[in-house]
Amino acid sequence: MSKPLQSFIIGLGIASIVFALYGVFNGDKFIEALRGIVIGASLIGAIVINQHRNKKSE
């Protein structure tokens, strides 16, 4: 996976978490924002795991 694509996916994950937390602070219920937090964390986690596997195989 190319570096710009990895950076984009990480940015997308961070944005998802930030907007979910923003919704919580603006009055939404936490359970409604949990979906955005989980999606953002899983995007970031997938990139981290992928990088770890690539470094391990080299």
Protein backbone atom coordinates (compact mmCIF):
# COMPACT_ATOMS: atom_id res chain seq x y z
CA MET A 1 0.00 0.00 0.00
CA SER A 2 1.41 3.40 -0.94
CA LYS A 3 2.35 6.01 1.66
CA PRO A 4 -0.17 8.63 0.43
CA LEU A 5 -2.99 6.08 0.65
CA GLN A 6 -1.92 5.08 4.17
CA SER A 7 -1.84 8.74 5.20
CA PHE A 8 -5.30 9.29 3.72
CA ILE A 9 -6.78 6.30 5.57
CA ILE A 10 -5.21 7.38 8.86
CA GLY A 11 -6.55 10.91 8.33
CA LEU A 12 -9.98 9.49 7.59
CA GLY A 13 -9.87 7.43 10.78
CA ILE A 14 -8.83 10.42 12.88
CA ALA A 15 -11.55 12.56 11.30
CA SER A 16 -14.14 9.89 12.07
CA ILE A 17 -13.12 9.79 15.73
CA VAL A 18 -12.97 13.58 16.04
CA PHE A 19 -16.41 14.12 14.49
CA ALA A 20 -17.91 11.39 16.67
CA LEU A 21 -16.52 13.04 19.79
CA TYR A 22 -17.69 16.43 18.52
CA GLY A 23 -21.20 15.00 18.25
CA VAL A 24 -21.03 13.77 21.84
CA PHE A 25 -20.00 17.19 23.10
CA ASN A 26 -22.86 18.77 21.15
CA GLY A 27 -25.49 16.69 22.88
CA ASP A 28 -25.62 13.36 21.04
CA LYS A 29 -25.64 10.20 23.06
CA PHE A 30 -22.34 8.37 23.37
CA ILE A 31 -23.85 5.15 22.05
CA GLU A 32 -24.68 6.97 18.79
CA ALA A 33 -21.10 8.20 18.44
CA LEU A 34 -19.61 4.82 19.24
CA ARG A 35 -20.02 3.70 15.64
CA GLY A 36 -17.80 6.53 14.37
CA ILE A 37 -15.19 5.85 17.03
CA VAL A 38 -15.09 2.15 16.21
CA ILE A 39 -14.82 2.79 12.47
CA GLY A 40 -12.00 5.30 12.98
CA ALA A 41 -10.10 3.04 15.35
CA SER A 42 -10.42 0.06 13.01
CA LEU A 43 -9.15 2.08 10.03
CA ILE A 44 -6.11 3.22 12.00
CA GLY A 45 -5.60 -0.26 13.43
CA ALA A 46 -5.67 -1.86 9.99
CA ILE A 47 -2.89 0.44 8.78
CA VAL A 48 -0.79 -0.18 11.89
CA ILE A 49 -1.18 -3.95 11.56
CA ASN A 50 -0.35 -3.78 7.86
CA GLN A 51 2.82 -1.78 8.54
CA HIS A 52 3.83 -4.23 11.27
CA ARG A 53 3.36 -7.21 8.93
CA ASN A 54 5.37 -5.52 6.18
CA LYS A 55 8.27 -4.77 8.52
CA LYS A 56 8.19 -8.31 9.90
CA SER A 57 8.37 -9.90 6.44
CA GLU A 58 11.37 -7.82 5.32
